Amino acid sequence: MCVAVPGHIVEIVDQARRIGRVDVLGTPRLVNLAMLPDVLPGDWVLVQVGFAVEKIDEATARETMRLLEEVSQMFEGELAPAVADVPAAGEGEG
């Protein structure tokens, strides 16, 4: 399963190749914008494996980021007890 995450286009760094610098959850990434020829800096897009695959509005982007954060927190809460029971590498050997 692949998940597309919201990104905010900061700049177009290579117009000929349609490569943009996109802020994805606080991390700048180089993203191929070729599938969306009409997007510009300031636009929001969904990014999947290095490609902008859909233009979205800011409200949708913010709601998606909120939901991703919520899922992440639930996942971490679920895994934390299980991870605490796993011996560290090298423990128990000997």
PDB file of N, CA and C in Angstrom:
ATOM      1  N   MET A   1       0.848  -1.178   0.000  1.00  0.00           N
ATOM      2  CA  MET A   1       0.000   0.000   0.000  1.00  0.00           C
ATOM      3  C   MET A   1       0.893   1.241   0.000  1.00  0.00           C
ATOM      4  N   CYS A   2       0.571   2.181  -0.827  1.00  0.00           N
ATOM      5  CA  CYS A   2       1.286   3.446  -0.865  1.00  0.00           C
ATOM      6  C   CYS A   2       0.388   4.551  -0.323  1.00  0.00           C
ATOM      7  N   VAL A   3       1.006   5.479   0.364  1.00  0.00           N
ATOM      8  CA  VAL A   3       0.270   6.596   0.928  1.00  0.00           C
ATOM      9  C   VAL A   3       0.814   7.879   0.314  1.00  0.00           C
ATOM     10  N   ALA A   4      -0.077   8.733  -0.134  1.00  0.00           N
ATOM     11  CA  ALA A   4       0.320  10.049  -0.620  1.00  0.00           C
ATOM     12  C   ALA A   4       0.175  11.031   0.538  1.00  0.00           C
ATOM     13  N   VAL A   5       1.161  11.899   0.688  1.00  0.00           N
ATOM     14  CA  VAL A   5       1.134  12.871   1.778  1.00  0.00           C
ATOM     15  C   VAL A   5       1.088  14.284   1.208  1.00  0.00           C
ATOM     16  N   PRO A   6       0.452  15.199   1.946  1.00  0.00           N
ATOM     17  CA  PRO A   6       0.356  16.572   1.460  1.00  0.00           C
ATOM     18  C   PRO A   6       1.714  17.266   1.461  1.00  0.00           C
ATOM     19  N   GLY A   7       1.914  18.109   0.473  1.00  0.00           N
ATOM     20  CA  GLY A   7       3.113  18.929   0.395  1.00  0.00           C
ATOM     21  C   GLY A   7       2.774  20.301  -0.145  1.00  0.00           C
ATOM     22  N   HIS A   8       3.529  21.283   0.308  1.00  0.00           N
ATOM     23  CA  HIS A   8       3.342  22.677  -0.099  1.00  0.00           C
ATOM     24  C   HIS A   8       4.501  23.059  -1.011  1.00  0.00           C
ATOM     25  N   ILE A   9       4.197  23.429  -2.243  1.00  0.00           N
ATOM     26  CA  ILE A   9       5.254  23.767  -3.207  1.00  0.00           C
ATOM     27  C   ILE A   9       5.908  25.081  -2.796  1.00  0.00           C
ATOM     28  N   VAL A  10       7.215  25.018  -2.564  1.00  0.00           N
ATOM     29  CA  VAL A  10       7.980  26.190  -2.148  1.00  0.00           C
ATOM     30  C   VAL A  10       8.540  26.922  -3.358  1.00  0.00           C
ATOM     31  N   GLU A  11       9.104  26.150  -4.291  1.00  0.00           N
ATOM     32  CA  GLU A  11       9.684  26.757  -5.497  1.00  0.00           C
ATOM     33  C   GLU A  11       9.823  25.710  -6.587  1.00  0.00           C
ATOM     34  N   ILE A  12       9.917  26.192  -7.812  1.00  0.00           N
ATOM     35  CA  ILE A  12      10.243  25.330  -8.950  1.00  0.00           C
ATOM     36  C   ILE A  12      11.750  25.467  -9.144  1.00  0.00           C
ATOM     37  N   VAL A  13      12.486  24.379  -8.984  1.00  0.00           N
ATOM     38  CA  VAL A  13      13.948  24.465  -9.074  1.00  0.00           C
ATOM     39  C   VAL A  13      14.458  24.133 -10.464  1.00  0.00           C
ATOM     40  N   ASP A  14      13.671  23.423 -11.253  1.00  0.00           N
ATOM     41  CA  ASP A  14      14.047  23.088 -12.621  1.00  0.00           C
ATOM     42  C   ASP A  14      12.772  23.105 -13.472  1.00  0.00           C
ATOM     43  N   GLN A  15      12.529  24.212 -14.132  1.00  0.00           N
ATOM     44  CA  GLN A  15      11.301  24.385 -14.910  1.00  0.00           C
ATOM     45  C   GLN A  15      11.225  23.394 -16.070  1.00  0.00           C
ATOM     46  N   ALA A  16      12.348  23.164 -16.743  1.00  0.00           N
ATOM     47  CA  ALA A  16      12.349  22.269 -17.902  1.00  0.00           C
ATOM     48  C   ALA A  16      11.970  20.844 -17.509  1.00  0.00           C
ATOM     49  N   ARG A  17      12.463  20.385 -16.378  1.00  0.00           N
ATOM     50  CA  ARG A  17      12.164  19.015 -15.926  1.00  0.00           C
ATOM     51  C   ARG A  17      10.972  18.947 -14.971  1.00  0.00           C
ATOM     52  N   ARG A  18      10.420  20.117 -14.618  1.00  0.00           N
ATOM     53  CA  ARG A  18       9.279  20.217 -13.691  1.00  0.00           C
ATOM     54  C   ARG A  18       9.602  19.579 -12.333  1.00  0.00           C
ATOM     55  N   ILE A  19      10.722  20.027 -11.767  1.00  0.00           N
ATOM     56  CA  ILE A  19      11.123  19.585 -10.435  1.00  0.00           C
ATOM     57  C   ILE A  19      10.905  20.750  -9.474  1.00  0.00           C
ATOM     58  N   GLY A  20      10.235  20.463  -8.377  1.00  0.00           N
ATOM     59  CA  GLY A  20       9.971  21.502  -7.389  1.00  0.00           C
ATOM     60  C   GLY A  20      10.483  21.127  -6.017  1.00  0.00           C
ATOM     61  N   ARG A  21      10.771  22.153  -5.220  1.00  0.00           N
ATOM     62  CA  ARG A  21      11.087  21.936  -3.812  1.00  0.00           C
ATOM     63  C   ARG A  21       9.759  22.026  -3.084  1.00  0.00           C
ATOM     64  N   VAL A  22       9.407  20.944  -2.390  1.00  0.00           N
ATOM     65  CA  VAL A  22       8.111  20.832  -1.738  1.00  0.00           C
ATOM     66  C   VAL A  22       8.316  20.533  -0.261  1.00  0.00           C
ATOM     67  N   ASP A  23       7.647  21.293   0.587  1.00  0.00           N
ATOM     68  CA  ASP A  23       7.684  21.042   2.029  1.00  0.00           C
ATOM     69  C   ASP A  23       6.692  19.918   2.317  1.00  0.00           C
ATOM     70  N   VAL A  24       7.218  18.760   2.703  1.00  0.00           N
ATOM     71  CA  VAL A  24       6.391  17.597   3.011  1.00  0.00           C
ATOM     72  C   VAL A  24       6.517  17.326   4.502  1.00  0.00           C
ATOM     73  N   LEU A  25       5.477  17.684   5.233  1.00  0.00           N
ATOM     74  CA  LEU A  25       5.443  17.483   6.683  1.00  0.00           C
ATOM     75  C   LEU A  25       6.676  18.073   7.370  1.00  0.00           C
ATOM     76  N   GLY A  26       7.082  19.260   6.912  1.00  0.00           N
ATOM     77  CA  GLY A  26       8.200  19.962   7.528  1.00  0.00           C
ATOM     78  C   GLY A  26       9.569  19.640   6.952  1.00  0.00           C
ATOM     79  N   THR A  27       9.619  18.736   5.989  1.00  0.00           N
ATOM     80  CA  THR A  27      10.896  18.359   5.375  1.00  0.00           C
ATOM     81  C   THR A  27      10.898  18.754   3.908  1.00  0.00           C
ATOM     82  N   PRO A  28      11.877  19.579   3.485  1.00  0.00           N
ATOM     83  CA  PRO A  28      11.937  19.938   2.065  1.00  0.00           C
ATOM     84  C   PRO A  28      12.375  18.744   1.223  1.00  0.00           C
ATOM     85  N   ARG A  29      11.659  18.526   0.126  1.00  0.00           N
ATOM     86  CA  ARG A  29      11.965  17.404  -0.761  1.00  0.00           C
ATOM     87  C   ARG A  29      11.902  17.887  -2.207  1.00  0.00           C
ATOM     88  N   LEU A  30      12.718  17.288  -3.053  1.00  0.00           N
ATOM     89  CA  LEU A  30      12.607  17.542  -4.483  1.00  0.00           C
ATOM     90  C   LEU A  30      11.560  16.580  -5.021  1.00  0.00           C
ATOM     91  N   VAL A  31      10.571  17.134  -5.716  1.00  0.00           N
ATOM     92  CA  VAL A  31       9.419  16.356  -6.175  1.00  0.00           C
ATOM     93  C   VAL A  31       9.208  16.608  -7.654  1.00  0.00           C
ATOM     94  N   ASN A  32       8.908  15.561  -8.398  1.00  0.00           N
ATOM     95  CA  ASN A  32       8.594  15.681  -9.815  1.00  0.00           C
ATOM     96  C   ASN A  32       7.161  16.192  -9.949  1.00  0.00           C
ATOM     97  N   LEU A  33       6.987  17.331 -10.604  1.00  0.00           N
ATOM     98  CA  LEU A  33       5.681  17.968 -10.777  1.00  0.00           C
ATOM     99  C   LEU A  33       5.108  17.758 -12.174  1.00  0.00           C
ATOM    100  N   ALA A  34       5.753  16.936 -12.989  1.00  0.00           N
ATOM    101  CA  ALA A  34       5.393  16.805 -14.401  1.00  0.00           C
ATOM    102  C   ALA A  34       3.955  16.342 -14.624  1.00  0.00           C
ATOM    103  N   MET A  35       3.393  15.571 -13.712  1.00  0.00           N
ATOM    104  CA  MET A  35       2.019  15.092 -13.884  1.00  0.00           C
ATOM    105  C   MET A  35       0.983  16.196 -13.655  1.00  0.00           C
ATOM    106  N   LEU A  36       1.434  17.321 -13.072  1.00  0.00           N
ATOM    107  CA  LEU A  36       0.534  18.439 -12.779  1.00  0.00           C
ATOM    108  C   LEU A  36       1.125  19.723 -13.351  1.00  0.00           C
ATOM    109  N   PRO A  37       1.019  19.920 -14.662  1.00  0.00           N
ATOM    110  CA  PRO A  37       1.702  21.041 -15.307  1.00  0.00           C
ATOM    111  C   PRO A  37       1.220  22.428 -14.868  1.00  0.00           C
ATOM    112  N   ASP A  38       0.053  22.517 -14.215  1.00  0.00           N
ATOM    113  CA  ASP A  38      -0.482  23.829 -13.840  1.00  0.00           C
ATOM    114  C   ASP A  38      -0.136  24.265 -12.424  1.00  0.00           C
ATOM    115  N   VAL A  39       0.569  23.414 -11.627  1.00  0.00           N
ATOM    116  CA  VAL A  39       0.852  23.808 -10.247  1.00  0.00           C
ATOM    117  C   VAL A  39       1.994  24.810 -10.180  1.00  0.00           C
ATOM    118  N   LEU A  40       1.919  25.667  -9.158  1.00  0.00           N
ATOM    119  CA  LEU A  40       2.882  26.751  -8.964  1.00  0.00           C
ATOM    120  C   LEU A  40       3.297  26.810  -7.503  1.00  0.00           C
ATOM    121  N   PRO A  41       4.379  27.539  -7.194  1.00  0.00           N
ATOM    122  CA  PRO A  41       4.724  27.745  -5.793  1.00  0.00           C
ATOM    123  C   PRO A  41       3.516  28.307  -5.036  1.00  0.00           C
ATOM    124  N   GLY A  42       3.311  27.779  -3.839  1.00  0.00           N
ATOM    125  CA  GLY A  42       2.157  28.172  -3.028  1.00  0.00           C
ATOM    126  C   GLY A  42       1.026  27.157  -3.087  1.00  0.00           C
ATOM    127  N   ASP A  43       1.025  26.318  -4.129  1.00  0.00           N
ATOM    128  CA  ASP A  43      -0.020  25.287  -4.251  1.00  0.00           C
ATOM    129  C   ASP A  43       0.281  24.117  -3.325  1.00  0.00           C
ATOM    130  N   TRP A  44      -0.775  23.389  -2.995  1.00  0.00           N
ATOM    131  CA  TRP A  44      -0.679  22.152  -2.218  1.00  0.00           C
ATOM    132  C   TRP A  44      -0.903  20.972  -3.150  1.00  0.00           C
ATOM    133  N   VAL A  45      -0.113  19.914  -2.935  1.00  0.00           N
ATOM    134  CA  VAL A  45      -0.234  18.712  -3.756  1.00  0.00           C
ATOM    135  C   VAL A  45      -0.128  17.480  -2.857  1.00  0.00           C
ATOM    136  N   LEU A  46      -0.600  16.364  -3.368  1.00  0.00           N
ATOM    137  CA  LEU A  46      -0.351  15.082  -2.721  1.00  0.00           C
ATOM    138  C   LEU A  46       0.890  14.483  -3.370  1.00  0.00           C
ATOM    139  N   VAL A  47       1.848  14.048  -2.548  1.00  0.00           N
ATOM    140  CA  VAL A  47       3.117  13.523  -3.021  1.00  0.00           C
ATOM    141  C   VAL A  47       3.174  12.028  -2.721  1.00  0.00           C
ATOM    142  N   GLN A  48       3.480  11.264  -3.755  1.00  0.00           N
ATOM    143  CA  GLN A  48       3.593   9.820  -3.617  1.00  0.00           C
ATOM    144  C   GLN A  48       4.856   9.374  -4.338  1.00  0.00           C
ATOM    145  N   VAL A  49       5.740   8.720  -3.624  1.00  0.00           N
ATOM    146  CA  VAL A  49       7.026   8.226  -4.134  1.00  0.00           C
ATOM    147  C   VAL A  49       7.744   9.233  -5.039  1.00  0.00           C
ATOM    148  N   GLY A  50       7.811  10.477  -4.579  1.00  0.00           N
ATOM    149  CA  GLY A  50       8.572  11.488  -5.290  1.00  0.00           C
ATOM    150  C   GLY A  50       7.848  12.216  -6.406  1.00  0.00           C
ATOM    151  N   PHE A  51       6.560  11.917  -6.607  1.00  0.00           N
ATOM    152  CA  PHE A  51       5.772  12.561  -7.651  1.00  0.00           C
ATOM    153  C   PHE A  51       4.572  13.270  -7.041  1.00  0.00           C
ATOM    154  N   ALA A  52       4.290  14.471  -7.512  1.00  0.00           N
ATOM    155  CA  ALA A  52       3.053  15.142  -7.152  1.00  0.00           C
ATOM    156  C   ALA A  52       1.964  14.511  -8.011  1.00  0.00           C
ATOM    157  N   VAL A  53       0.954  13.915  -7.371  1.00  0.00           N
ATOM    158  CA  VAL A  53      -0.046  13.154  -8.113  1.00  0.00           C
ATOM    159  C   VAL A  53      -1.412  13.825  -8.166  1.00  0.00           C
ATOM    160  N   GLU A  54      -1.624  14.827  -7.303  1.00  0.00           N
ATOM    161  CA  GLU A  54      -2.917  15.512  -7.311  1.00  0.00           C
ATOM    162  C   GLU A  54      -2.775  16.866  -6.631  1.00  0.00           C
ATOM    163  N   LYS A  55      -3.423  17.876  -7.195  1.00  0.00           N
ATOM    164  CA  LYS A  55      -3.471  19.190  -6.570  1.00  0.00           C
ATOM    165  C   LYS A  55      -4.644  19.196  -5.589  1.00  0.00           C
ATOM    166  N   ILE A  56      -4.410  19.726  -4.379  1.00  0.00           N
ATOM    167  CA  ILE A  56      -5.458  19.802  -3.369  1.00  0.00           C
ATOM    168  C   ILE A  56      -5.501  21.208  -2.794  1.00  0.00           C
ATOM    169  N   ASP A  57      -6.570  21.516  -2.065  1.00  0.00           N
ATOM    170  CA  ASP A  57      -6.644  22.827  -1.426  1.00  0.00           C
ATOM    171  C   ASP A  57      -6.006  22.762  -0.035  1.00  0.00           C
ATOM    172  N   GLU A  58      -5.738  23.924   0.533  1.00  0.00           N
ATOM    173  CA  GLU A  58      -5.040  23.995   1.811  1.00  0.00           C
ATOM    174  C   GLU A  58      -5.832  23.324   2.932  1.00  0.00           C
ATOM    175  N   ALA A  59      -7.142  23.498   2.957  1.00  0.00           N
ATOM    176  CA  ALA A  59      -7.958  22.883   4.009  1.00  0.00           C
ATOM    177  C   ALA A  59      -7.839  21.359   3.970  1.00  0.00           C
ATOM    178  N   THR A  60      -7.878  20.787   2.786  1.00  0.00           N
ATOM    179  CA  THR A  60      -7.731  19.337   2.639  1.00  0.00           C
ATOM    180  C   THR A  60      -6.345  18.895   3.086  1.00  0.00           C
ATOM    181  N   ALA A  61      -5.320  19.665   2.726  1.00  0.00           N
ATOM    182  CA  ALA A  61      -3.950  19.335   3.122  1.00  0.00           C
ATOM    183  C   ALA A  61      -3.816  19.348   4.641  1.00  0.00           C
ATOM    184  N   ARG A  62      -4.325  20.367   5.285  1.00  0.00           N
ATOM    185  CA  ARG A  62      -4.204  20.477   6.747  1.00  0.00           C
ATOM    186  C   ARG A  62      -4.980  19.369   7.457  1.00  0.00           C
ATOM    187  N   GLU A  63      -6.170  19.043   6.965  1.00  0.00           N
ATOM    188  CA  GLU A  63      -6.955  17.967   7.565  1.00  0.00           C
ATOM    189  C   GLU A  63      -6.251  16.624   7.386  1.00  0.00           C
ATOM    190  N   THR A  64      -5.663  16.399   6.229  1.00  0.00           N
ATOM    191  CA  THR A  64      -4.931  15.163   5.980  1.00  0.00           C
ATOM    192  C   THR A  64      -3.721  15.055   6.902  1.00  0.00           C
ATOM    193  N   MET A  65      -2.991  16.161   7.084  1.00  0.00           N
ATOM    194  CA  MET A  65      -1.832  16.149   7.980  1.00  0.00           C
ATOM    195  C   MET A  65      -2.277  15.872   9.415  1.00  0.00           C
ATOM    196  N   ARG A  66      -3.392  16.433   9.826  1.00  0.00           N
ATOM    197  CA  ARG A  66      -3.916  16.191  11.170  1.00  0.00           C
ATOM    198  C   ARG A  66      -4.240  14.707  11.354  1.00  0.00           C
ATOM    199  N   LEU A  67      -4.901  14.124  10.358  1.00  0.00           N
ATOM    200  CA  LEU A  67      -5.256  12.708  10.440  1.00  0.00           C
ATOM    201  C   LEU A  67      -4.023  11.812  10.446  1.00  0.00           C
ATOM    202  N   LEU A  68      -3.020  12.141   9.629  1.00  0.00           N
ATOM    203  CA  LEU A  68      -1.781  11.367   9.619  1.00  0.00           C
ATOM    204  C   LEU A  68      -1.087  11.421  10.980  1.00  0.00           C
ATOM    205  N   GLU A  69      -1.086  12.587  11.608  1.00  0.00           N
ATOM    206  CA  GLU A  69      -0.490  12.733  12.938  1.00  0.00           C
ATOM    207  C   GLU A  69      -1.257  11.907  13.963  1.00  0.00           C
ATOM    208  N   GLU A  70      -2.570  11.926  13.864  1.00  0.00           N
ATOM    209  CA  GLU A  70      -3.412  11.145  14.778  1.00  0.00           C
ATOM    210  C   GLU A  70      -3.130   9.643  14.634  1.00  0.00           C
ATOM    211  N   VAL A  71      -3.060   9.171  13.397  1.00  0.00           N
ATOM    212  CA  VAL A  71      -2.766   7.758  13.157  1.00  0.00           C
ATOM    213  C   VAL A  71      -1.370   7.417  13.677  1.00  0.00           C
ATOM    214  N   SER A  72      -0.412   8.298  13.458  1.00  0.00           N
ATOM    215  CA  SER A  72       0.957   8.073  13.922  1.00  0.00           C
ATOM    216  C   SER A  72       0.999   7.935  15.440  1.00  0.00           C
ATOM    217  N   GLN A  73       0.297   8.808  16.139  1.00  0.00           N
ATOM    218  CA  GLN A  73       0.276   8.739  17.599  1.00  0.00           C
ATOM    219  C   GLN A  73      -0.383   7.451  18.083  1.00  0.00           C
ATOM    220  N   MET A  74      -1.464   7.032  17.442  1.00  0.00           N
ATOM    221  CA  MET A  74      -2.123   5.783  17.815  1.00  0.00           C
ATOM    222  C   MET A  74      -1.183   4.598  17.585  1.00  0.00           C
ATOM    223  N   PHE A  75      -0.499   4.612  16.457  1.00  0.00           N
ATOM    224  CA  PHE A  75       0.412   3.531  16.102  1.00  0.00           C
ATOM    225  C   PHE A  75       1.558   3.453  17.113  1.00  0.00           C
ATOM    226  N   GLU A  76       2.145   4.604  17.441  1.00  0.00           N
ATOM    227  CA  GLU A  76       3.238   4.634  18.405  1.00  0.00           C
ATOM    228  C   GLU A  76       2.773   4.147  19.766  1.00  0.00           C
ATOM    229  N   GLY A  77       1.582   4.535  20.183  1.00  0.00           N
ATOM    230  CA  GLY A  77       1.044   4.092  21.458  1.00  0.00           C
ATOM    231  C   GLY A  77       0.815   2.597  21.488  1.00  0.00           C
ATOM    232  N   GLU A  78       0.437   2.051  20.371  1.00  0.00           N
ATOM    233  CA  GLU A  78       0.197   0.613  20.271  1.00  0.00           C
ATOM    234  C   GLU A  78       1.503  -0.167  20.248  1.00  0.00           C
ATOM    235  N   LEU A  79       2.521   0.382  19.587  1.00  0.00           N
ATOM    236  CA  LEU A  79       3.793  -0.322  19.459  1.00  0.00           C
ATOM    237  C   LEU A  79       4.710  -0.173  20.671  1.00  0.00           C
ATOM    238  N   ALA A  80       4.601   0.923  21.386  1.00  0.00           N
ATOM    239  CA  ALA A  80       5.533   1.196  22.484  1.00  0.00           C
ATOM    240  C   ALA A  80       5.630   0.037  23.471  1.00  0.00           C
ATOM    241  N   PRO A  81       4.520  -0.519  23.975  1.00  0.00           N
ATOM    242  CA  PRO A  81       4.643  -1.645  24.907  1.00  0.00           C
ATOM    243  C   PRO A  81       5.299  -2.866  24.262  1.00  0.00           C
ATOM    244  N   ALA A  82       5.004  -3.141  23.012  1.00  0.00           N
ATOM    245  CA  ALA A  82       5.582  -4.301  22.335  1.00  0.00           C
ATOM    246  C   ALA A  82       7.086  -4.125  22.135  1.00  0.00           C
ATOM    247  N   VAL A  83       7.503  -2.945  21.782  1.00  0.00           N
ATOM    248  CA  VAL A  83       8.918  -2.670  21.550  1.00  0.00           C
ATOM    249  C   VAL A  83       9.695  -2.751  22.858  1.00  0.00           C
ATOM    250  N   ALA A  84       9.080  -2.336  23.959  1.00  0.00           N
ATOM    251  CA  ALA A  84       9.749  -2.384  25.260  1.00  0.00           C
ATOM    252  C   ALA A  84      10.097  -3.816  25.649  1.00  0.00           C
ATOM    253  N   ASP A  85       9.356  -4.789  25.168  1.00  0.00           N
ATOM    254  CA  ASP A  85       9.591  -6.196  25.503  1.00  0.00           C
ATOM    255  C   ASP A  85      10.608  -6.875  24.593  1.00  0.00           C
ATOM    256  N   VAL A  86      11.052  -6.205  23.544  1.00  0.00           N
ATOM    257  CA  VAL A  86      12.003  -6.797  22.597  1.00  0.00           C
ATOM    258  C   VAL A  86      13.414  -6.516  23.091  1.00  0.00           C
ATOM    259  N   PRO A  87      14.231  -7.582  23.249  1.00  0.00           N
ATOM    260  CA  PRO A  87      15.610  -7.354  23.706  1.00  0.00           C
ATOM    261  C   PRO A  87      16.411  -6.559  22.676  1.00  0.00           C
ATOM    262  N   ALA A  88      17.298  -5.727  23.152  1.00  0.00           N
ATOM    263  CA  ALA A  88      18.175  -4.955  22.275  1.00  0.00           C
ATOM    264  C   ALA A  88      19.148  -5.901  21.580  1.00  0.00           C
ATOM    265  N   ALA A  89      19.673  -5.482  20.447  1.00  0.00           N
ATOM    266  CA  ALA A  89      20.633  -6.291  19.706  1.00  0.00           C
ATOM    267  C   ALA A  89      21.810  -6.646  20.623  1.00  0.00           C
ATOM    268  N   GLY A  90      22.125  -7.915  20.654  1.00  0.00           N
ATOM    269  CA  GLY A  90      23.250  -8.359  21.462  1.00  0.00           C
ATOM    270  C   GLY A  90      22.862  -8.790  22.868  1.00  0.00           C
ATOM    271  N   GLU A  91      21.696  -8.376  23.353  1.00  0.00           N
ATOM    272  CA  GLU A  91      21.240  -8.781  24.679  1.00  0.00           C
ATOM    273  C   GLU A  91      20.866 -10.252  24.672  1.00  0.00           C
ATOM    274  N   GLY A  92      21.159 -10.934  25.751  1.00  0.00           N
ATOM    275  CA  GLY A  92      20.752 -12.308  25.876  1.00  0.00           C
ATOM    276  C   GLY A  92      21.672 -13.287  25.150  1.00  0.00           C
ATOM    277  N   GLU A  93      22.683 -12.772  24.467  1.00  0.00           N
ATOM    278  CA  GLU A  93      23.623 -13.652  23.781  1.00  0.00           C
ATOM    279  C   GLU A  93      24.771 -13.971  24.718  1.00  0.00           C
ATOM    280  N   GLY A  94      25.273 -15.107  24.590  1.00  0.00           N
ATOM    281  CA  GLY A  94      26.456 -15.262  25.367  1.00  0.00           C
ATOM    282  C   GLY A  94      26.795 -16.552  25.808  1.00  0.00           C
TER     283      GLY A  94
END
